[in-house]
N, C-alpha and C. Protein backbone atom coordinates (compact mmCIF):
# COMPACT_ATOMS: atom_id res chain seq x y z
N MET A 1 -134.58 223.75 -62.67
CA MET A 1 -133.16 223.98 -62.92
C MET A 1 -132.91 225.32 -63.59
N GLY A 2 -133.99 226.05 -63.94
CA GLY A 2 -133.81 227.33 -64.60
C GLY A 2 -133.02 228.31 -63.76
N TYR A 3 -133.19 228.24 -62.43
CA TYR A 3 -132.47 229.13 -61.54
C TYR A 3 -130.97 228.84 -61.60
N LEU A 4 -130.61 227.57 -61.55
CA LEU A 4 -129.20 227.18 -61.48
C LEU A 4 -128.48 227.46 -62.79
N ARG A 5 -129.18 227.34 -63.91
CA ARG A 5 -128.56 227.60 -65.21
C ARG A 5 -128.03 229.03 -65.30
N GLY A 6 -128.70 229.93 -64.63
CA GLY A 6 -128.28 231.32 -64.66
C GLY A 6 -126.95 231.58 -63.98
N PHE A 7 -126.46 230.61 -63.20
CA PHE A 7 -125.19 230.79 -62.50
C PHE A 7 -123.99 230.30 -63.31
N ILE A 8 -124.23 229.71 -64.47
CA ILE A 8 -123.13 229.18 -65.28
C ILE A 8 -122.08 230.25 -65.59
N PRO A 9 -122.45 231.46 -66.03
CA PRO A 9 -121.43 232.48 -66.29
C PRO A 9 -120.59 232.82 -65.07
N TRP A 10 -121.19 232.78 -63.90
CA TRP A 10 -120.44 233.07 -62.67
C TRP A 10 -119.44 231.96 -62.36
N ILE A 11 -119.84 230.74 -62.64
CA ILE A 11 -118.92 229.62 -62.45
C ILE A 11 -117.75 229.71 -63.43
N VAL A 12 -118.07 230.00 -64.68
CA VAL A 12 -117.03 230.16 -65.71
C VAL A 12 -116.06 231.26 -65.30
N SER A 13 -116.61 232.39 -64.88
CA SER A 13 -115.77 233.51 -64.48
C SER A 13 -114.89 233.15 -63.29
N GLY A 14 -115.47 232.45 -62.31
CA GLY A 14 -114.70 232.07 -61.13
C GLY A 14 -113.52 231.18 -61.46
N VAL A 15 -113.73 230.24 -62.39
CA VAL A 15 -112.66 229.32 -62.77
C VAL A 15 -111.57 230.05 -63.56
N VAL A 16 -111.99 230.82 -64.56
CA VAL A 16 -111.02 231.48 -65.44
C VAL A 16 -110.29 232.61 -64.72
N SER A 17 -110.96 233.25 -63.75
CA SER A 17 -110.33 234.35 -63.02
C SER A 17 -109.13 233.91 -62.20
N SER A 18 -109.04 232.62 -61.92
CA SER A 18 -107.88 232.13 -61.17
C SER A 18 -106.60 232.30 -61.98
N PHE A 19 -106.74 232.47 -63.29
CA PHE A 19 -105.58 232.71 -64.15
C PHE A 19 -105.39 234.20 -64.43
N ASP A 20 -106.49 234.89 -64.73
CA ASP A 20 -106.43 236.32 -65.03
C ASP A 20 -107.84 236.90 -64.90
N TRP A 21 -108.00 237.93 -64.08
CA TRP A 21 -109.34 238.44 -63.84
C TRP A 21 -109.97 239.06 -65.07
N ARG A 22 -109.12 239.51 -66.00
CA ARG A 22 -109.66 240.06 -67.24
C ARG A 22 -110.34 238.98 -68.05
N TRP A 23 -109.68 237.84 -68.19
CA TRP A 23 -110.26 236.74 -68.93
C TRP A 23 -111.47 236.16 -68.20
N GLY A 24 -111.44 236.23 -66.88
CA GLY A 24 -112.58 235.76 -66.11
C GLY A 24 -113.83 236.59 -66.40
N ALA A 25 -113.65 237.91 -66.43
CA ALA A 25 -114.78 238.80 -66.72
C ALA A 25 -115.28 238.60 -68.14
N LEU A 26 -114.35 238.48 -69.08
CA LEU A 26 -114.75 238.29 -70.48
C LEU A 26 -115.38 236.91 -70.69
N GLY A 27 -114.86 235.91 -69.97
CA GLY A 27 -115.45 234.57 -70.05
C GLY A 27 -116.88 234.56 -69.51
N GLY A 28 -117.09 235.27 -68.40
CA GLY A 28 -118.43 235.38 -67.84
C GLY A 28 -119.37 236.10 -68.79
N LEU A 29 -118.86 237.15 -69.43
CA LEU A 29 -119.68 237.91 -70.38
C LEU A 29 -120.03 237.06 -71.59
N ALA A 30 -119.04 236.36 -72.13
CA ALA A 30 -119.28 235.53 -73.32
C ALA A 30 -120.28 234.42 -73.04
N SER A 31 -120.10 233.73 -71.92
CA SER A 31 -121.03 232.64 -71.59
C SER A 31 -122.42 233.18 -71.25
N GLY A 32 -122.47 234.35 -70.62
CA GLY A 32 -123.76 234.96 -70.31
C GLY A 32 -124.52 235.34 -71.57
N LEU A 33 -123.81 235.92 -72.54
CA LEU A 33 -124.44 236.29 -73.81
C LEU A 33 -124.88 235.05 -74.58
N LEU A 34 -124.08 233.99 -74.52
CA LEU A 34 -124.43 232.75 -75.22
C LEU A 34 -125.71 232.15 -74.65
N LEU A 35 -125.80 232.07 -73.33
CA LEU A 35 -127.00 231.52 -72.70
C LEU A 35 -128.22 232.39 -72.99
N LEU A 36 -128.01 233.71 -72.95
CA LEU A 36 -129.11 234.62 -73.22
C LEU A 36 -129.62 234.46 -74.64
N ARG A 37 -128.70 234.30 -75.58
CA ARG A 37 -129.08 234.11 -76.98
C ARG A 37 -129.84 232.80 -77.16
N GLN A 38 -129.36 231.74 -76.52
CA GLN A 38 -130.04 230.45 -76.61
C GLN A 38 -131.46 230.52 -76.07
N ASP A 39 -131.61 231.17 -74.93
CA ASP A 39 -132.94 231.28 -74.31
C ASP A 39 -133.88 232.10 -75.18
N ARG A 40 -133.40 233.19 -75.73
CA ARG A 40 -134.25 234.03 -76.57
C ARG A 40 -134.66 233.29 -77.85
N ARG A 41 -133.75 232.51 -78.40
CA ARG A 41 -134.08 231.74 -79.60
C ARG A 41 -135.11 230.66 -79.30
N ARG A 42 -135.16 230.21 -78.05
CA ARG A 42 -136.17 229.22 -77.65
C ARG A 42 -137.50 229.88 -77.28
N GLY A 43 -137.54 231.20 -77.38
CA GLY A 43 -138.77 231.91 -77.09
C GLY A 43 -138.98 232.29 -75.65
N VAL A 44 -137.93 232.23 -74.84
CA VAL A 44 -138.05 232.60 -73.42
C VAL A 44 -138.21 234.11 -73.31
N GLY A 45 -139.22 234.55 -72.58
CA GLY A 45 -139.47 235.98 -72.42
C GLY A 45 -138.45 236.66 -71.52
N LEU A 46 -138.31 237.96 -71.68
CA LEU A 46 -137.34 238.71 -70.89
C LEU A 46 -137.68 238.68 -69.40
N ASP A 47 -138.97 238.52 -69.07
CA ASP A 47 -139.34 238.48 -67.65
C ASP A 47 -138.81 237.24 -66.95
N ALA A 48 -138.44 236.22 -67.73
CA ALA A 48 -137.86 235.00 -67.15
C ALA A 48 -136.33 235.03 -67.22
N LEU A 49 -135.77 236.15 -67.68
CA LEU A 49 -134.32 236.23 -67.88
C LEU A 49 -133.72 237.41 -67.11
N VAL A 50 -134.35 237.79 -66.02
CA VAL A 50 -133.87 238.93 -65.24
C VAL A 50 -132.46 238.68 -64.72
N LEU A 51 -132.23 237.50 -64.16
CA LEU A 51 -130.91 237.17 -63.62
C LEU A 51 -129.87 237.15 -64.73
N GLU A 52 -130.23 236.59 -65.89
CA GLU A 52 -129.30 236.52 -67.01
C GLU A 52 -128.95 237.91 -67.54
N LEU A 53 -129.95 238.78 -67.64
CA LEU A 53 -129.70 240.14 -68.10
C LEU A 53 -128.82 240.90 -67.12
N SER A 54 -129.10 240.74 -65.83
CA SER A 54 -128.28 241.39 -64.81
C SER A 54 -126.84 240.88 -64.86
N THR A 55 -126.70 239.58 -65.11
CA THR A 55 -125.37 238.98 -65.21
C THR A 55 -124.57 239.57 -66.36
N VAL A 56 -125.21 239.71 -67.51
CA VAL A 56 -124.53 240.27 -68.69
C VAL A 56 -124.10 241.71 -68.42
N VAL A 57 -124.96 242.50 -67.79
CA VAL A 57 -124.61 243.88 -67.48
C VAL A 57 -123.41 243.93 -66.53
N TYR A 58 -123.43 243.07 -65.52
CA TYR A 58 -122.32 243.05 -64.56
C TYR A 58 -121.00 242.74 -65.25
N PHE A 59 -120.97 241.67 -66.03
CA PHE A 59 -119.71 241.28 -66.66
C PHE A 59 -119.29 242.26 -67.75
N ALA A 60 -120.23 242.95 -68.36
CA ALA A 60 -119.87 243.98 -69.34
C ALA A 60 -119.13 245.12 -68.64
N VAL A 61 -119.64 245.53 -67.47
CA VAL A 61 -119.01 246.62 -66.72
C VAL A 61 -117.65 246.19 -66.19
N VAL A 62 -117.61 245.03 -65.53
CA VAL A 62 -116.34 244.56 -64.96
C VAL A 62 -115.34 244.26 -66.06
N GLY A 63 -115.81 243.70 -67.17
CA GLY A 63 -114.92 243.43 -68.29
C GLY A 63 -114.31 244.69 -68.85
N ALA A 64 -115.10 245.75 -68.97
CA ALA A 64 -114.59 247.02 -69.48
C ALA A 64 -113.53 247.60 -68.54
N VAL A 65 -113.80 247.51 -67.24
CA VAL A 65 -112.83 248.02 -66.26
C VAL A 65 -111.56 247.19 -66.28
N SER A 66 -111.70 245.87 -66.36
CA SER A 66 -110.53 244.99 -66.31
C SER A 66 -109.62 245.19 -67.52
N VAL A 67 -110.20 245.48 -68.67
CA VAL A 67 -109.40 245.68 -69.88
C VAL A 67 -108.75 247.06 -69.89
N SER A 68 -109.51 248.06 -69.47
CA SER A 68 -108.98 249.43 -69.50
C SER A 68 -108.04 249.72 -68.34
N ARG A 69 -108.28 249.06 -67.21
CA ARG A 69 -107.43 249.26 -66.03
C ARG A 69 -107.13 247.91 -65.38
N PRO A 70 -106.25 247.14 -65.98
CA PRO A 70 -105.95 245.79 -65.47
C PRO A 70 -105.36 245.78 -64.06
N ASP A 71 -104.80 246.92 -63.62
CA ASP A 71 -104.22 246.99 -62.28
C ASP A 71 -105.19 247.58 -61.26
N SER A 72 -106.47 247.67 -61.63
CA SER A 72 -107.47 248.26 -60.74
C SER A 72 -107.61 247.45 -59.45
N ALA A 73 -107.87 248.17 -58.36
CA ALA A 73 -108.10 247.51 -57.07
C ALA A 73 -109.35 246.64 -57.09
N LEU A 74 -110.19 246.85 -58.09
CA LEU A 74 -111.41 246.06 -58.23
C LEU A 74 -111.10 244.57 -58.34
N ALA A 75 -109.93 244.26 -58.90
CA ALA A 75 -109.55 242.86 -59.11
C ALA A 75 -109.52 242.06 -57.82
N ASP A 76 -109.22 242.73 -56.71
CA ASP A 76 -109.11 242.02 -55.43
C ASP A 76 -110.45 241.89 -54.70
N HIS A 77 -111.49 242.46 -55.28
CA HIS A 77 -112.77 242.46 -54.57
C HIS A 77 -113.94 241.98 -55.43
N THR A 78 -113.64 241.37 -56.56
CA THR A 78 -114.73 240.95 -57.45
C THR A 78 -115.62 239.88 -56.82
N ASP A 79 -115.06 239.08 -55.91
CA ASP A 79 -115.89 238.06 -55.28
C ASP A 79 -117.01 238.69 -54.45
N VAL A 80 -116.64 239.68 -53.64
CA VAL A 80 -117.64 240.37 -52.81
C VAL A 80 -118.59 241.18 -53.68
N ILE A 81 -118.03 241.90 -54.65
CA ILE A 81 -118.85 242.77 -55.50
C ILE A 81 -119.86 241.95 -56.31
N SER A 82 -119.44 240.78 -56.78
CA SER A 82 -120.34 239.97 -57.60
C SER A 82 -121.58 239.54 -56.82
N PHE A 83 -121.39 239.14 -55.56
CA PHE A 83 -122.54 238.72 -54.77
C PHE A 83 -123.35 239.91 -54.27
N ALA A 84 -122.69 241.05 -54.11
CA ALA A 84 -123.44 242.27 -53.79
C ALA A 84 -124.34 242.64 -54.97
N TRP A 85 -123.83 242.44 -56.17
CA TRP A 85 -124.61 242.71 -57.39
C TRP A 85 -125.82 241.77 -57.47
N LEU A 86 -125.58 240.50 -57.23
CA LEU A 86 -126.68 239.52 -57.28
C LEU A 86 -127.72 239.82 -56.20
N ALA A 87 -127.24 240.18 -55.01
CA ALA A 87 -128.17 240.52 -53.93
C ALA A 87 -129.00 241.74 -54.30
N ALA A 88 -128.34 242.75 -54.89
CA ALA A 88 -129.06 243.95 -55.31
C ALA A 88 -130.10 243.62 -56.37
N THR A 89 -129.77 242.67 -57.25
CA THR A 89 -130.73 242.24 -58.27
C THR A 89 -131.96 241.62 -57.62
N ALA A 90 -131.73 240.70 -56.69
CA ALA A 90 -132.85 240.02 -56.02
C ALA A 90 -133.69 240.99 -55.21
N TRP A 91 -133.05 241.78 -54.35
CA TRP A 91 -133.80 242.71 -53.51
C TRP A 91 -134.45 243.80 -54.34
N GLY A 92 -133.79 244.21 -55.42
CA GLY A 92 -134.36 245.25 -56.28
C GLY A 92 -135.65 244.79 -56.94
N THR A 93 -135.66 243.54 -57.42
CA THR A 93 -136.89 243.04 -58.06
C THR A 93 -138.02 242.88 -57.04
N LEU A 94 -137.67 242.58 -55.81
CA LEU A 94 -138.69 242.52 -54.76
C LEU A 94 -139.23 243.92 -54.46
N ALA A 95 -138.34 244.90 -54.46
CA ALA A 95 -138.74 246.27 -54.15
C ALA A 95 -139.75 246.81 -55.17
N ILE A 96 -139.60 246.39 -56.43
CA ILE A 96 -140.54 246.86 -57.46
C ILE A 96 -141.67 245.86 -57.68
N ARG A 97 -141.76 244.87 -56.78
CA ARG A 97 -142.82 243.86 -56.80
C ARG A 97 -142.81 243.02 -58.08
N ARG A 98 -141.63 242.76 -58.57
CA ARG A 98 -141.47 241.87 -59.72
C ARG A 98 -140.35 240.89 -59.41
N PRO A 99 -140.55 239.97 -58.46
CA PRO A 99 -139.47 239.04 -58.07
C PRO A 99 -138.89 238.33 -59.28
N PHE A 100 -137.57 238.24 -59.32
CA PHE A 100 -136.92 237.72 -60.52
C PHE A 100 -137.27 236.26 -60.81
N THR A 101 -137.77 235.54 -59.81
CA THR A 101 -138.16 234.14 -60.04
C THR A 101 -139.54 234.01 -60.66
N LEU A 102 -140.29 235.11 -60.70
CA LEU A 102 -141.68 235.05 -61.17
C LEU A 102 -141.78 234.59 -62.62
N GLY A 103 -140.95 235.19 -63.49
CA GLY A 103 -140.99 234.81 -64.90
C GLY A 103 -140.59 233.36 -65.12
N ILE A 104 -139.64 232.88 -64.33
CA ILE A 104 -139.22 231.49 -64.45
C ILE A 104 -140.35 230.56 -64.02
N ALA A 105 -141.00 230.91 -62.90
CA ALA A 105 -142.10 230.08 -62.39
C ALA A 105 -143.27 230.05 -63.36
N ARG A 106 -143.53 231.15 -64.04
CA ARG A 106 -144.65 231.19 -64.98
C ARG A 106 -144.44 230.25 -66.16
N ARG A 107 -143.20 230.01 -66.50
CA ARG A 107 -142.93 229.07 -67.59
C ARG A 107 -143.28 227.64 -67.20
N GLN A 108 -143.38 227.38 -65.91
CA GLN A 108 -143.62 226.03 -65.43
C GLN A 108 -145.01 225.87 -64.79
N THR A 109 -145.83 226.92 -64.90
CA THR A 109 -147.13 226.93 -64.23
C THR A 109 -148.22 227.37 -65.20
N PRO A 110 -149.39 226.73 -65.18
CA PRO A 110 -150.50 227.12 -66.06
C PRO A 110 -150.89 228.58 -65.83
N PRO A 111 -151.27 229.31 -66.89
CA PRO A 111 -151.59 230.74 -66.79
C PRO A 111 -152.67 231.09 -65.77
N GLU A 112 -153.61 230.17 -65.52
CA GLU A 112 -154.70 230.49 -64.60
C GLU A 112 -154.23 230.71 -63.17
N TYR A 113 -152.98 230.31 -62.87
CA TYR A 113 -152.45 230.49 -61.52
C TYR A 113 -151.61 231.76 -61.38
N TRP A 114 -151.26 232.41 -62.46
CA TRP A 114 -150.28 233.48 -62.44
C TRP A 114 -150.67 234.67 -61.56
N ASP A 115 -151.96 234.99 -61.52
CA ASP A 115 -152.39 236.17 -60.77
C ASP A 115 -152.89 235.83 -59.36
N MET A 116 -152.77 234.57 -58.97
CA MET A 116 -153.20 234.20 -57.63
C MET A 116 -152.25 234.78 -56.58
N PRO A 117 -152.77 235.36 -55.50
CA PRO A 117 -151.91 235.92 -54.45
C PRO A 117 -150.92 234.89 -53.90
N GLU A 118 -151.36 233.63 -53.80
CA GLU A 118 -150.48 232.59 -53.27
C GLU A 118 -149.28 232.36 -54.19
N PHE A 119 -149.51 232.42 -55.50
CA PHE A 119 -148.43 232.22 -56.47
C PHE A 119 -147.41 233.35 -56.36
N ILE A 120 -147.90 234.58 -56.25
CA ILE A 120 -147.00 235.73 -56.11
C ILE A 120 -146.24 235.64 -54.80
N GLN A 121 -146.93 235.24 -53.74
CA GLN A 121 -146.30 235.16 -52.42
C GLN A 121 -145.18 234.12 -52.40
N VAL A 122 -145.42 232.98 -53.03
CA VAL A 122 -144.39 231.94 -53.09
C VAL A 122 -143.15 232.48 -53.78
N ASN A 123 -143.32 233.21 -54.87
CA ASN A 123 -142.16 233.75 -55.59
C ASN A 123 -141.48 234.88 -54.83
N ASN A 124 -142.25 235.65 -54.07
CA ASN A 124 -141.63 236.65 -53.21
C ASN A 124 -140.71 235.98 -52.20
N ARG A 125 -141.18 234.88 -51.63
CA ARG A 125 -140.37 234.17 -50.63
C ARG A 125 -139.14 233.52 -51.25
N ILE A 126 -139.30 232.94 -52.43
CA ILE A 126 -138.16 232.30 -53.09
C ILE A 126 -137.12 233.35 -53.47
N THR A 127 -137.57 234.46 -54.05
CA THR A 127 -136.63 235.53 -54.40
C THR A 127 -135.96 236.07 -53.15
N GLY A 128 -136.72 236.21 -52.06
CA GLY A 128 -136.14 236.66 -50.80
C GLY A 128 -135.09 235.69 -50.28
N ALA A 129 -135.34 234.40 -50.46
CA ALA A 129 -134.37 233.39 -50.02
C ALA A 129 -133.06 233.54 -50.80
N TRP A 130 -133.17 233.75 -52.12
CA TRP A 130 -131.96 233.94 -52.91
C TRP A 130 -131.27 235.25 -52.55
N GLY A 131 -132.05 236.30 -52.31
CA GLY A 131 -131.45 237.56 -51.89
C GLY A 131 -130.70 237.42 -50.58
N ALA A 132 -131.29 236.68 -49.64
CA ALA A 132 -130.63 236.44 -48.35
C ALA A 132 -129.36 235.62 -48.54
N GLY A 133 -129.43 234.62 -49.42
CA GLY A 133 -128.25 233.79 -49.68
C GLY A 133 -127.12 234.59 -50.29
N PHE A 134 -127.44 235.41 -51.29
CA PHE A 134 -126.41 236.25 -51.92
C PHE A 134 -125.82 237.23 -50.91
N THR A 135 -126.68 237.82 -50.10
CA THR A 135 -126.21 238.77 -49.09
C THR A 135 -125.30 238.09 -48.08
N PHE A 136 -125.70 236.91 -47.65
CA PHE A 136 -124.90 236.15 -46.69
C PHE A 136 -123.50 235.86 -47.25
N ILE A 137 -123.44 235.43 -48.51
CA ILE A 137 -122.14 235.12 -49.11
C ILE A 137 -121.29 236.38 -49.23
N GLY A 138 -121.90 237.46 -49.73
CA GLY A 138 -121.14 238.70 -49.89
C GLY A 138 -120.56 239.20 -48.59
N VAL A 139 -121.38 239.23 -47.54
CA VAL A 139 -120.91 239.69 -46.23
C VAL A 139 -119.86 238.74 -45.68
N SER A 140 -120.08 237.45 -45.83
CA SER A 140 -119.12 236.46 -45.32
C SER A 140 -117.77 236.59 -46.00
N LEU A 141 -117.79 236.78 -47.32
CA LEU A 141 -116.53 236.93 -48.05
C LEU A 141 -115.81 238.21 -47.66
N ALA A 142 -116.58 239.27 -47.42
CA ALA A 142 -115.96 240.53 -46.99
C ALA A 142 -115.29 240.36 -45.63
N VAL A 143 -115.96 239.67 -44.72
CA VAL A 143 -115.39 239.42 -43.39
C VAL A 143 -114.17 238.51 -43.50
N CYS A 144 -114.28 237.47 -44.33
CA CYS A 144 -113.14 236.55 -44.51
C CYS A 144 -111.92 237.29 -45.04
N GLY A 145 -112.15 238.21 -45.97
CA GLY A 145 -111.04 238.99 -46.51
C GLY A 145 -110.44 239.92 -45.49
N ALA A 146 -111.30 240.49 -44.64
CA ALA A 146 -110.82 241.45 -43.65
C ALA A 146 -109.98 240.79 -42.56
N VAL A 147 -110.31 239.54 -42.21
CA VAL A 147 -109.60 238.86 -41.12
C VAL A 147 -108.63 237.80 -41.65
N SER A 148 -108.46 237.76 -42.97
CA SER A 148 -107.56 236.78 -43.60
C SER A 148 -107.93 235.35 -43.19
N ALA A 149 -109.21 235.04 -43.29
CA ALA A 149 -109.69 233.71 -42.93
C ALA A 149 -109.18 232.66 -43.91
N PRO A 150 -109.09 231.40 -43.50
CA PRO A 150 -108.64 230.34 -44.41
C PRO A 150 -109.62 230.14 -45.56
N ALA A 151 -109.14 229.51 -46.62
CA ALA A 151 -109.95 229.34 -47.83
C ALA A 151 -111.24 228.58 -47.57
N TRP A 152 -111.19 227.60 -46.65
CA TRP A 152 -112.38 226.78 -46.41
C TRP A 152 -113.54 227.61 -45.88
N ALA A 153 -113.26 228.73 -45.22
CA ALA A 153 -114.33 229.57 -44.69
C ALA A 153 -115.14 230.18 -45.83
N GLY A 154 -114.44 230.66 -46.85
CA GLY A 154 -115.13 231.22 -48.01
C GLY A 154 -115.90 230.16 -48.78
N ILE A 155 -115.30 228.98 -48.90
CA ILE A 155 -115.97 227.88 -49.60
C ILE A 155 -117.25 227.49 -48.86
N THR A 156 -117.15 227.42 -47.53
CA THR A 156 -118.33 227.08 -46.72
C THR A 156 -119.43 228.11 -46.91
N ALA A 157 -119.05 229.39 -46.96
CA ALA A 157 -120.04 230.45 -47.16
C ALA A 157 -120.75 230.28 -48.49
N HIS A 158 -119.99 229.93 -49.53
CA HIS A 158 -120.59 229.69 -50.85
C HIS A 158 -121.61 228.54 -50.79
N VAL A 159 -121.19 227.45 -50.17
CA VAL A 159 -122.05 226.26 -50.12
C VAL A 159 -123.34 226.56 -49.36
N VAL A 160 -123.20 227.16 -48.18
CA VAL A 160 -124.39 227.45 -47.36
C VAL A 160 -125.29 228.47 -48.06
N GLY A 161 -124.68 229.53 -48.59
CA GLY A 161 -125.46 230.60 -49.20
C GLY A 161 -126.17 230.21 -50.47
N LEU A 162 -125.67 229.20 -51.18
CA LEU A 162 -126.32 228.76 -52.42
C LEU A 162 -127.20 227.53 -52.21
N LEU A 163 -126.74 226.62 -51.35
CA LEU A 163 -127.51 225.40 -51.13
C LEU A 163 -128.83 225.69 -50.41
N GLY A 164 -128.79 226.59 -49.44
CA GLY A 164 -130.00 226.92 -48.70
C GLY A 164 -131.14 227.40 -49.61
N PRO A 165 -130.91 228.44 -50.42
CA PRO A 165 -131.97 228.89 -51.34
C PRO A 165 -132.37 227.84 -52.36
N ALA A 166 -131.40 227.04 -52.82
CA ALA A 166 -131.72 226.00 -53.81
C ALA A 166 -132.69 224.97 -53.23
N VAL A 167 -132.44 224.55 -51.99
CA VAL A 167 -133.33 223.59 -51.33
C VAL A 167 -134.70 224.23 -51.08
N PHE A 168 -134.69 225.47 -50.64
CA PHE A 168 -135.95 226.18 -50.39
C PHE A 168 -136.76 226.30 -51.67
N THR A 169 -136.09 226.60 -52.78
CA THR A 169 -136.76 226.71 -54.07
C THR A 169 -137.40 225.40 -54.47
N LYS A 170 -136.76 224.31 -54.13
CA LYS A 170 -137.27 222.98 -54.47
C LYS A 170 -138.44 222.58 -53.58
N VAL A 171 -138.36 222.89 -52.29
CA VAL A 171 -139.32 222.37 -51.31
C VAL A 171 -140.52 223.29 -51.10
N HIS A 172 -140.29 224.58 -51.02
CA HIS A 172 -141.35 225.50 -50.62
C HIS A 172 -142.58 225.49 -51.52
N PRO A 173 -142.45 225.52 -52.86
CA PRO A 173 -143.66 225.53 -53.70
C PRO A 173 -144.58 224.34 -53.45
N ALA A 174 -144.00 223.16 -53.29
CA ALA A 174 -144.82 221.96 -53.05
C ALA A 174 -145.55 222.07 -51.72
N ARG A 175 -144.88 222.57 -50.69
CA ARG A 175 -145.53 222.72 -49.39
C ARG A 175 -146.63 223.77 -49.45
N ALA A 176 -146.36 224.88 -50.14
CA ALA A 176 -147.37 225.92 -50.26
C ALA A 176 -148.59 225.41 -51.03
N GLN A 177 -148.34 224.62 -52.06
CA GLN A 177 -149.44 224.05 -52.84
C GLN A 177 -150.26 223.09 -51.99
N ALA A 178 -149.59 222.30 -51.17
CA ALA A 178 -150.30 221.35 -50.30
C ALA A 178 -151.17 222.09 -49.29
N ARG A 179 -150.64 223.18 -48.71
CA ARG A 179 -151.43 223.97 -47.75
C ARG A 179 -152.64 224.60 -48.43
N LEU A 180 -152.44 225.11 -49.65
CA LEU A 180 -153.54 225.72 -50.38
C LEU A 180 -154.61 224.69 -50.71
N ARG A 181 -154.18 223.50 -51.11
CA ARG A 181 -155.13 222.43 -51.43
C ARG A 181 -155.94 222.03 -50.18
N ALA A 182 -155.24 221.96 -49.04
CA ALA A 182 -155.93 221.60 -47.80
C ALA A 182 -156.95 222.66 -47.41
N ARG A 183 -156.59 223.95 -47.55
CA ARG A 183 -157.53 225.02 -47.22
C ARG A 183 -158.73 225.00 -48.15
N THR A 184 -158.47 224.72 -49.44
CA THR A 184 -159.55 224.68 -50.41
C THR A 184 -160.52 223.55 -50.09
N GLN A 185 -159.97 222.39 -49.76
CA GLN A 185 -160.82 221.25 -49.41
C GLN A 185 -161.63 221.52 -48.15
N LEU A 186 -160.99 222.15 -47.15
CA LEU A 186 -161.68 222.47 -45.91
C LEU A 186 -162.80 223.47 -46.16
N ALA A 187 -162.51 224.49 -46.99
CA ALA A 187 -163.53 225.48 -47.31
C ALA A 187 -164.70 224.83 -48.05
N GLY A 188 -164.38 223.87 -48.92
CA GLY A 188 -165.43 223.16 -49.65
C GLY A 188 -166.31 222.35 -48.73
N ARG A 189 -165.70 221.69 -47.74
CA ARG A 189 -166.49 220.90 -46.79
C ARG A 189 -167.36 221.79 -45.92
N ASN A 190 -166.78 222.93 -45.47
CA ASN A 190 -167.56 223.85 -44.64
C ASN A 190 -168.74 224.42 -45.41
N SER A 191 -168.50 224.75 -46.68
CA SER A 191 -169.58 225.28 -47.52
C SER A 191 -170.67 224.24 -47.71
N SER A 192 -170.27 222.99 -47.90
CA SER A 192 -171.24 221.91 -48.08
C SER A 192 -172.06 221.69 -46.82
N ASP A 193 -171.38 221.76 -45.65
CA ASP A 193 -172.09 221.58 -44.38
C ASP A 193 -173.11 222.69 -44.16
N THR A 194 -172.70 223.93 -44.50
CA THR A 194 -173.60 225.07 -44.34
C THR A 194 -174.83 224.93 -45.23
N THR A 195 -174.60 224.47 -46.45
CA THR A 195 -175.71 224.29 -47.39
C THR A 195 -176.68 223.24 -46.90
N ARG A 196 -176.15 222.14 -46.36
CA ARG A 196 -177.02 221.07 -45.87
C ARG A 196 -177.83 221.54 -44.66
N ALA A 197 -177.20 222.36 -43.81
CA ALA A 197 -177.90 222.85 -42.63
C ALA A 197 -179.04 223.79 -43.01
N ALA A 198 -178.81 224.61 -44.03
CA ALA A 198 -179.82 225.57 -44.45
C ALA A 198 -180.92 224.92 -45.26
N HIS A 199 -180.60 223.84 -45.97
CA HIS A 199 -181.56 223.16 -46.84
C HIS A 199 -181.50 221.66 -46.57
N PRO A 200 -182.21 221.17 -45.54
CA PRO A 200 -182.16 219.74 -45.22
C PRO A 200 -182.75 218.92 -46.35
N PRO A 201 -182.27 217.71 -46.55
CA PRO A 201 -182.78 216.85 -47.61
C PRO A 201 -184.28 216.64 -47.46
N LEU A 202 -184.95 216.44 -48.58
CA LEU A 202 -186.40 216.29 -48.59
C LEU A 202 -186.87 215.11 -47.77
N HIS A 203 -186.10 214.01 -47.80
CA HIS A 203 -186.55 212.82 -47.08
C HIS A 203 -186.55 213.04 -45.58
N GLU A 204 -185.62 213.96 -45.09
CA GLU A 204 -185.60 214.24 -43.67
C GLU A 204 -186.87 214.99 -43.27
N GLY A 205 -187.30 215.93 -44.13
CA GLY A 205 -188.52 216.66 -43.85
C GLY A 205 -189.72 215.74 -43.89
N ALA A 206 -189.71 214.78 -44.83
CA ALA A 206 -190.82 213.84 -44.94
C ALA A 206 -190.91 212.95 -43.71
N ASP A 207 -189.72 212.55 -43.18
CA ASP A 207 -189.71 211.70 -42.00
C ASP A 207 -190.32 212.42 -40.81
N ARG A 208 -189.94 213.70 -40.66
CA ARG A 208 -190.45 214.46 -39.52
C ARG A 208 -191.96 214.70 -39.64
N ALA A 209 -192.42 214.84 -40.92
CA ALA A 209 -193.85 215.04 -41.14
C ALA A 209 -194.62 213.77 -40.78
């Protein structure tokens, strides 16, 4: 649930922005700072708070613009911009080979697995799934705005773009672990068979003698 907790400021902002986009930005900033403070007090490392840090930066910038220029055209495009920001965060962390889900996963995984290629690969895929979801929502909302699509189209884009990565995050690690376990067991059996072929049991040699 660590991934989903990071979206709380965005939910707060979305609800409050329906009344005033300035309060929405400030509400997102306040809730983001509160969650960040709570996590740091619990000893959560910054590597597990990439999404939260990115969220705080976003709302700090948008909040400053909304207060200084309340009539800014930005107010009409914060939905698209917010998901473009999240997508940039996800793809950016992949580009520097530090997927934002890696720190979260390490909190839930024994240290001996952290440097395994399979562990890194799983997090690359999960981060990529979230990046794809954010990108899908951002593009969908931009298209919906351009063609004046009904509200349900935007809602559907949100559901699909967030539910897909959430399910993938839940299912993929278990499947990857099962495949790794199967390969390990197969390699162990093959190694055992090779050893037996090279060194037959003593009783077999005695029988042949």
